[in-house]
Amino acid sequence: MPTCPAGHESATDDYCDSCGAPIGATADPTEGAPPAKQAAAAAPVPCPGCGDPVESRYCESCGYDVEAGTPAVVGTVTLTLSADRGHWDRMVGSGEPAYPTVSPTLTFELTGDVATLGRTKPGATSDVTLALTGSVADAAVSHHQCEFRRDGAGWSVRDLDSANGTWINAADAPLAAGVSHQLVDGDRILVGAWTCLTVHLPPTP
């Protein structure tokens, strides 16, 4: 017979027929503890950054990472585009797409909470936020290459099931499916055949 989190055996397997608790739910570790201990477990702690109460890892007011002890990134994060010969040698080596004779220059700013990088056709409608088009469009970059997302700790990047993957710095393999990388200043994000995006974080206040 199934057992509920409180330890009752139940004739039903969805909710306990003794106390009504969901079967398979995790028991509250403070259940049965003295009232003072229960209150302490539930009490929010003051944020080291702004003093507001924090009930999870990140402060909802200022984004301070309580677990890591680091403040949130404040200011604009930029991505500087360039061509990386080492990445081209690894991905192509010879043939097409050819390594550009003139290194493209372009700077993106990460704004909002989510931004998508991808290759687009000139003049075409696209839902991509950070568009690589024209002379900076590496033909090996996917139409939906990778996604940048902001949370309390700052910005992270994850691959969007692209054809050639999203590589970080000198890694010997691209980001695995569903895995995000938290951006730090100087990170090099390598995509397509030769495209490199260098991360520039604002100074820590």
C-alpha atoms as a PDB file:
ATOM      1  CA  MET A   1       0.000   0.000   0.000  1.00  0.00           C
ATOM      2  CA  PRO A   2       1.269   3.527  -0.716  1.00  0.00           C
ATOM      3  CA  THR A   3       2.529   5.594   2.198  1.00  0.00           C
ATOM      4  CA  CYS A   4       1.979   9.337   2.549  1.00  0.00           C
ATOM      5  CA  PRO A   5       4.700  11.797   3.741  1.00  0.00           C
ATOM      6  CA  ALA A   6       3.296  11.564   7.293  1.00  0.00           C
ATOM      7  CA  GLY A   7       3.759   7.786   7.310  1.00  0.00           C
ATOM      8  CA  HIS A   8       0.123   6.691   6.932  1.00  0.00           C
ATOM      9  CA  GLU A   9      -0.665   3.702   4.752  1.00  0.00           C
ATOM     10  CA  SER A  10      -3.362   4.627   2.284  1.00  0.00           C
ATOM     11  CA  ALA A  11      -5.793   2.580   0.230  1.00  0.00           C
ATOM     12  CA  THR A  12      -5.668   5.287  -2.472  1.00  0.00           C
ATOM     13  CA  ASP A  13      -2.519   6.224  -4.400  1.00  0.00           C
ATOM     14  CA  ASP A  14      -3.218   9.906  -5.101  1.00  0.00           C
ATOM     15  CA  TYR A  15      -4.107  11.394  -1.711  1.00  0.00           C
ATOM     16  CA  CYS A  16      -3.802   9.837   1.741  1.00  0.00           C
ATOM     17  CA  ASP A  17      -7.168   8.565   2.961  1.00  0.00           C
ATOM     18  CA  SER A  18      -6.096   9.328   6.552  1.00  0.00           C
ATOM     19  CA  CYS A  19      -4.752  12.897   6.424  1.00  0.00           C
ATOM     20  CA  GLY A  20      -5.332  14.011   2.803  1.00  0.00           C
ATOM     21  CA  ALA A  21      -1.640  14.635   1.993  1.00  0.00           C
ATOM     22  CA  PRO A  22      -0.570  14.053  -1.649  1.00  0.00           C
ATOM     23  CA  ILE A  23       1.053  10.642  -2.102  1.00  0.00           C
ATOM     24  CA  GLY A  24       4.685  11.041  -3.183  1.00  0.00           C
ATOM     25  CA  ALA A  25       5.026  14.573  -1.789  1.00  0.00           C
ATOM     26  CA  THR A  26       8.129  15.423   0.202  1.00  0.00           C
ATOM     27  CA  ALA A  27       7.588  15.786   3.888  1.00  0.00           C
ATOM     28  CA  ASP A  28       8.199  19.160   5.513  1.00  0.00           C
ATOM     29  CA  PRO A  29      11.508  18.803   7.402  1.00  0.00           C
ATOM     30  CA  THR A  30      10.221  21.146  10.125  1.00  0.00           C
ATOM     31  CA  GLU A  31       6.992  19.196  10.680  1.00  0.00           C
ATOM     32  CA  GLY A  32       6.750  18.255  14.361  1.00  0.00           C
ATOM     33  CA  ALA A  33       9.625  20.574  15.313  1.00  0.00           C
ATOM     34  CA  PRO A  34       9.226  23.134  18.120  1.00  0.00           C
ATOM     35  CA  PRO A  35       7.411  26.320  17.023  1.00  0.00           C
ATOM     36  CA  ALA A  36      10.602  28.387  17.406  1.00  0.00           C
ATOM     37  CA  LYS A  37      12.486  26.118  14.993  1.00  0.00           C
ATOM     38  CA  GLN A  38       9.646  26.207  12.464  1.00  0.00           C
ATOM     39  CA  ALA A  39       9.580  30.015  12.619  1.00  0.00           C
ATOM     40  CA  ALA A  40      13.356  30.217  12.157  1.00  0.00           C
ATOM     41  CA  ALA A  41      13.223  27.950   9.106  1.00  0.00           C
ATOM     42  CA  ALA A  42      10.520  30.084   7.519  1.00  0.00           C
ATOM     43  CA  ALA A  43      12.000  33.471   8.455  1.00  0.00           C
ATOM     44  CA  PRO A  44      13.646  35.357   5.547  1.00  0.00           C
ATOM     45  CA  VAL A  45      17.208  36.603   5.992  1.00  0.00           C
ATOM     46  CA  PRO A  46      18.274  40.191   5.278  1.00  0.00           C
ATOM     47  CA  CYS A  47      20.028  40.726   1.943  1.00  0.00           C
ATOM     48  CA  PRO A  48      23.739  41.636   2.364  1.00  0.00           C
ATOM     49  CA  GLY A  49      23.375  44.012  -0.573  1.00  0.00           C
ATOM     50  CA  CYS A  50      20.291  46.050   0.244  1.00  0.00           C
ATOM     51  CA  GLY A  51      18.917  44.736   3.532  1.00  0.00           C
ATOM     52  CA  ASP A  52      15.579  43.609   2.141  1.00  0.00           C
ATOM     53  CA  PRO A  53      14.313  40.161   3.210  1.00  0.00           C
ATOM     54  CA  VAL A  54      15.479  37.271   1.028  1.00  0.00           C
ATOM     55  CA  GLU A  55      13.566  33.984   0.891  1.00  0.00           C
ATOM     56  CA  SER A  56      15.476  32.271  -1.943  1.00  0.00           C
ATOM     57  CA  ARG A  57      18.956  32.322  -3.466  1.00  0.00           C
ATOM     58  CA  TYR A  58      18.576  35.702  -5.206  1.00  0.00           C
ATOM     59  CA  CYS A  59      17.315  38.943  -3.680  1.00  0.00           C
ATOM     60  CA  GLU A  60      14.212  40.064  -5.548  1.00  0.00           C
ATOM     61  CA  SER A  61      15.089  43.711  -4.877  1.00  0.00           C
ATOM     62  CA  CYS A  62      18.731  43.943  -5.987  1.00  0.00           C
ATOM     63  CA  GLY A  63      19.591  40.483  -7.374  1.00  0.00           C
ATOM     64  CA  TYR A  64      22.294  39.701  -4.793  1.00  0.00           C
ATOM     65  CA  ASP A  65      23.330  36.022  -4.889  1.00  0.00           C
ATOM     66  CA  VAL A  66      23.041  35.011  -1.227  1.00  0.00           C
ATOM     67  CA  GLU A  67      24.619  31.567  -1.727  1.00  0.00           C
ATOM     68  CA  ALA A  68      27.648  32.814  -3.661  1.00  0.00           C
ATOM     69  CA  GLY A  69      27.933  36.092  -1.743  1.00  0.00           C
ATOM     70  CA  THR A  70      28.110  38.183  -4.911  1.00  0.00           C
ATOM     71  CA  PRO A  71      26.105  41.238  -5.989  1.00  0.00           C
ATOM     72  CA  ALA A  72      24.072  41.248  -9.172  1.00  0.00           C
ATOM     73  CA  VAL A  73      25.561  42.582 -12.388  1.00  0.00           C
ATOM     74  CA  VAL A  74      24.450  46.199 -12.777  1.00  0.00           C
ATOM     75  CA  GLY A  75      24.738  47.998 -16.103  1.00  0.00           C
ATOM     76  CA  THR A  76      24.788  46.969 -19.732  1.00  0.00           C
ATOM     77  CA  VAL A  77      26.445  43.761 -20.899  1.00  0.00           C
ATOM     78  CA  THR A  78      27.864  43.996 -24.423  1.00  0.00           C
ATOM     79  CA  LEU A  79      28.971  41.369 -26.940  1.00  0.00           C
ATOM     80  CA  THR A  80      31.686  42.319 -29.429  1.00  0.00           C
ATOM     81  CA  LEU A  81      31.667  40.304 -32.652  1.00  0.00           C
ATOM     82  CA  SER A  82      34.866  39.256 -34.427  1.00  0.00           C
ATOM     83  CA  ALA A  83      36.228  36.390 -36.513  1.00  0.00           C
ATOM     84  CA  ASP A  84      38.194  33.645 -34.758  1.00  0.00           C
ATOM     85  CA  ARG A  85      40.667  31.734 -36.929  1.00  0.00           C
ATOM     86  CA  GLY A  86      41.171  28.975 -34.358  1.00  0.00           C
ATOM     87  CA  HIS A  87      37.450  28.199 -34.316  1.00  0.00           C
ATOM     88  CA  TRP A  88      37.358  28.185 -38.131  1.00  0.00           C
ATOM     89  CA  ASP A  89      40.302  25.774 -38.262  1.00  0.00           C
ATOM     90  CA  ARG A  90      38.466  23.464 -35.844  1.00  0.00           C
ATOM     91  CA  MET A  91      35.085  23.635 -37.556  1.00  0.00           C
ATOM     92  CA  VAL A  92      36.073  23.981 -41.246  1.00  0.00           C
ATOM     93  CA  GLY A  93      39.831  23.961 -41.847  1.00  0.00           C
ATOM     94  CA  SER A  94      39.395  24.523 -45.578  1.00  0.00           C
ATOM     95  CA  GLY A  95      36.567  25.121 -48.003  1.00  0.00           C
ATOM     96  CA  GLU A  96      33.259  26.803 -47.226  1.00  0.00           C
ATOM     97  CA  PRO A  97      32.260  28.916 -45.498  1.00  0.00           C
ATOM     98  CA  ALA A  98      35.565  30.637 -46.088  1.00  0.00           C
ATOM     99  CA  TYR A  99      37.312  32.580 -43.357  1.00  0.00           C
ATOM    100  CA  PRO A 100      36.516  36.295 -43.874  1.00  0.00           C
ATOM    101  CA  THR A 101      39.287  38.381 -45.409  1.00  0.00           C
ATOM    102  CA  VAL A 102      38.135  41.391 -43.378  1.00  0.00           C
ATOM    103  CA  SER A 103      37.127  40.768 -39.778  1.00  0.00           C
ATOM    104  CA  PRO A 104      33.588  42.040 -39.206  1.00  0.00           C
ATOM    105  CA  THR A 105      32.917  44.449 -36.359  1.00  0.00           C
ATOM    106  CA  LEU A 106      29.625  44.670 -34.519  1.00  0.00           C
ATOM    107  CA  THR A 107      28.567  45.215 -30.911  1.00  0.00           C
ATOM    108  CA  PHE A 108      25.356  43.941 -29.335  1.00  0.00           C
ATOM    109  CA  GLU A 109      23.852  45.107 -26.058  1.00  0.00           C
ATOM    110  CA  LEU A 110      21.928  42.618 -23.920  1.00  0.00           C
ATOM    111  CA  THR A 111      18.697  44.268 -22.812  1.00  0.00           C
ATOM    112  CA  GLY A 112      15.464  43.015 -21.281  1.00  0.00           C
ATOM    113  CA  ASP A 113      15.502  39.544 -19.783  1.00  0.00           C
ATOM    114  CA  VAL A 114      15.866  37.289 -22.860  1.00  0.00           C
ATOM    115  CA  ALA A 115      17.719  37.773 -26.152  1.00  0.00           C
ATOM    116  CA  THR A 116      18.124  35.339 -29.053  1.00  0.00           C
ATOM    117  CA  LEU A 117      21.097  35.302 -31.420  1.00  0.00           C
ATOM    118  CA  GLY A 118      20.705  33.979 -34.951  1.00  0.00           C
ATOM    119  CA  ARG A 119      21.377  34.422 -38.653  1.00  0.00           C
ATOM    120  CA  THR A 120      18.751  36.254 -40.678  1.00  0.00           C
ATOM    121  CA  LYS A 121      18.261  37.125 -44.330  1.00  0.00           C
ATOM    122  CA  PRO A 122      18.526  40.837 -45.208  1.00  0.00           C
ATOM    123  CA  GLY A 123      15.081  42.439 -45.093  1.00  0.00           C
ATOM    124  CA  ALA A 124      13.383  39.278 -43.811  1.00  0.00           C
ATOM    125  CA  THR A 125      11.061  39.308 -40.818  1.00  0.00           C
ATOM    126  CA  SER A 126      12.542  37.436 -37.883  1.00  0.00           C
ATOM    127  CA  ASP A 127      11.915  36.915 -34.187  1.00  0.00           C
ATOM    128  CA  VAL A 128      15.677  36.998 -33.507  1.00  0.00           C
ATOM    129  CA  THR A 129      16.746  39.755 -31.122  1.00  0.00           C
ATOM    130  CA  LEU A 130      20.463  39.752 -32.010  1.00  0.00           C
ATOM    131  CA  ALA A 131      20.564  39.342 -35.769  1.00  0.00           C
ATOM    132  CA  LEU A 132      23.613  38.372 -37.812  1.00  0.00           C
ATOM    133  CA  THR A 133      22.922  39.491 -41.352  1.00  0.00           C
ATOM    134  CA  GLY A 134      24.712  40.883 -44.379  1.00  0.00           C
ATOM    135  CA  SER A 135      28.518  40.999 -44.129  1.00  0.00           C
ATOM    136  CA  VAL A 136      28.532  39.705 -40.539  1.00  0.00           C
ATOM    137  CA  ALA A 137      26.335  36.688 -41.297  1.00  0.00           C
ATOM    138  CA  ASP A 138      28.439  33.567 -40.828  1.00  0.00           C
ATOM    139  CA  ALA A 139      26.650  30.995 -43.015  1.00  0.00           C
ATOM    140  CA  ALA A 140      27.244  28.257 -40.427  1.00  0.00           C
ATOM    141  CA  VAL A 141      25.314  30.113 -37.698  1.00  0.00           C
ATOM    142  CA  SER A 142      21.806  28.725 -37.223  1.00  0.00           C
ATOM    143  CA  HIS A 143      18.687  30.870 -37.590  1.00  0.00           C
ATOM    144  CA  HIS A 144      18.138  30.328 -33.867  1.00  0.00           C
ATOM    145  CA  GLN A 145      21.651  29.810 -32.527  1.00  0.00           C
ATOM    146  CA  CYS A 146      21.632  30.540 -28.813  1.00  0.00           C
ATOM    147  CA  GLU A 147      19.655  32.313 -26.119  1.00  0.00           C
ATOM    148  CA  PHE A 148      20.846  34.779 -23.510  1.00  0.00           C
ATOM    149  CA  ARG A 149      18.803  34.992 -20.318  1.00  0.00           C
ATOM    150  CA  ARG A 150      19.082  37.263 -17.287  1.00  0.00           C
ATOM    151  CA  ASP A 151      18.327  36.292 -13.698  1.00  0.00           C
ATOM    152  CA  GLY A 152      19.444  37.492 -10.297  1.00  0.00           C
ATOM    153  CA  ALA A 153      23.015  36.347 -10.929  1.00  0.00           C
ATOM    154  CA  GLY A 154      23.377  38.144 -14.256  1.00  0.00           C
ATOM    155  CA  TRP A 155      23.309  36.774 -17.816  1.00  0.00           C
ATOM    156  CA  SER A 156      23.736  33.208 -19.016  1.00  0.00           C
ATOM    157  CA  VAL A 157      23.809  31.605 -22.474  1.00  0.00           C
ATOM    158  CA  ARG A 158      22.487  28.275 -23.728  1.00  0.00           C
ATOM    159  CA  ASP A 159      22.435  26.644 -27.139  1.00  0.00           C
ATOM    160  CA  LEU A 160      19.145  26.394 -29.046  1.00  0.00           C
ATOM    161  CA  ASP A 161      19.813  23.025 -30.685  1.00  0.00           C
ATOM    162  CA  SER A 162      21.944  24.731 -33.342  1.00  0.00           C
ATOM    163  CA  ALA A 163      23.595  22.844 -36.177  1.00  0.00           C
ATOM    164  CA  ASN A 164      27.193  23.468 -35.062  1.00  0.00           C
ATOM    165  CA  GLY A 165      26.771  24.107 -31.349  1.00  0.00           C
ATOM    166  CA  THR A 166      27.671  26.974 -29.049  1.00  0.00           C
ATOM    167  CA  TRP A 167      31.228  26.799 -27.694  1.00  0.00           C
ATOM    168  CA  ILE A 168      32.600  28.641 -24.663  1.00  0.00           C
ATOM    169  CA  ASN A 169      36.251  29.776 -24.513  1.00  0.00           C
ATOM    170  CA  ALA A 170      38.674  26.848 -24.992  1.00  0.00           C
ATOM    171  CA  ALA A 171      36.163  24.078 -24.244  1.00  0.00           C
ATOM    172  CA  ASP A 172      36.753  20.869 -26.199  1.00  0.00           C
ATOM    173  CA  ALA A 173      33.014  20.398 -26.755  1.00  0.00           C
ATOM    174  CA  PRO A 174      30.016  22.698 -27.250  1.00  0.00           C
ATOM    175  CA  LEU A 175      27.432  23.332 -24.550  1.00  0.00           C
ATOM    176  CA  ALA A 176      25.312  20.255 -23.968  1.00  0.00           C
ATOM    177  CA  ALA A 177      21.571  20.395 -24.609  1.00  0.00           C
ATOM    178  CA  GLY A 178      19.776  22.303 -21.874  1.00  0.00           C
ATOM    179  CA  VAL A 179      23.009  23.413 -20.179  1.00  0.00           C
ATOM    180  CA  SER A 180      23.519  27.133 -19.498  1.00  0.00           C
ATOM    181  CA  HIS A 181      26.817  28.958 -18.990  1.00  0.00           C
ATOM    182  CA  GLN A 182      26.896  31.953 -16.638  1.00  0.00           C
ATOM    183  CA  LEU A 183      28.674  34.795 -18.410  1.00  0.00           C
ATOM    184  CA  VAL A 184      31.789  36.358 -16.926  1.00  0.00           C
ATOM    185  CA  ASP A 185      33.814  39.255 -18.259  1.00  0.00           C
ATOM    186  CA  GLY A 186      36.070  38.214 -21.135  1.00  0.00           C
ATOM    187  CA  ASP A 187      34.156  35.055 -22.044  1.00  0.00           C
ATOM    188  CA  ARG A 188      34.406  34.122 -25.726  1.00  0.00           C
ATOM    189  CA  ILE A 189      31.272  32.583 -27.223  1.00  0.00           C
ATOM    190  CA  LEU A 190      32.085  30.748 -30.460  1.00  0.00           C
ATOM    191  CA  VAL A 191      29.364  29.879 -32.966  1.00  0.00           C
ATOM    192  CA  GLY A 192      29.048  28.938 -36.612  1.00  0.00           C
ATOM    193  CA  ALA A 193      32.269  28.561 -38.597  1.00  0.00           C
ATOM    194  CA  TRP A 194      34.220  31.590 -37.367  1.00  0.00           C
ATOM    195  CA  THR A 195      32.014  33.885 -35.296  1.00  0.00           C
ATOM    196  CA  CYS A 196      33.299  34.951 -31.879  1.00  0.00           C
ATOM    197  CA  LEU A 197      31.342  37.070 -29.405  1.00  0.00           C
ATOM    198  CA  THR A 198      33.444  38.502 -26.571  1.00  0.00           C
ATOM    199  CA  VAL A 199      31.558  39.322 -23.375  1.00  0.00           C
ATOM    200  CA  HIS A 200      32.104  42.692 -21.694  1.00  0.00           C
ATOM    201  CA  LEU A 201      30.508  43.076 -18.271  1.00  0.00           C
ATOM    202  CA  PRO A 202      30.195  46.465 -16.582  1.00  0.00           C
ATOM    203  CA  PRO A 203      32.553  47.166 -13.667  1.00  0.00           C
ATOM    204  CA  THR A 204      31.410  45.894 -10.291  1.00  0.00           C
ATOM    205  CA  PRO A 205      30.290  48.859  -8.168  1.00  0.00           C
END
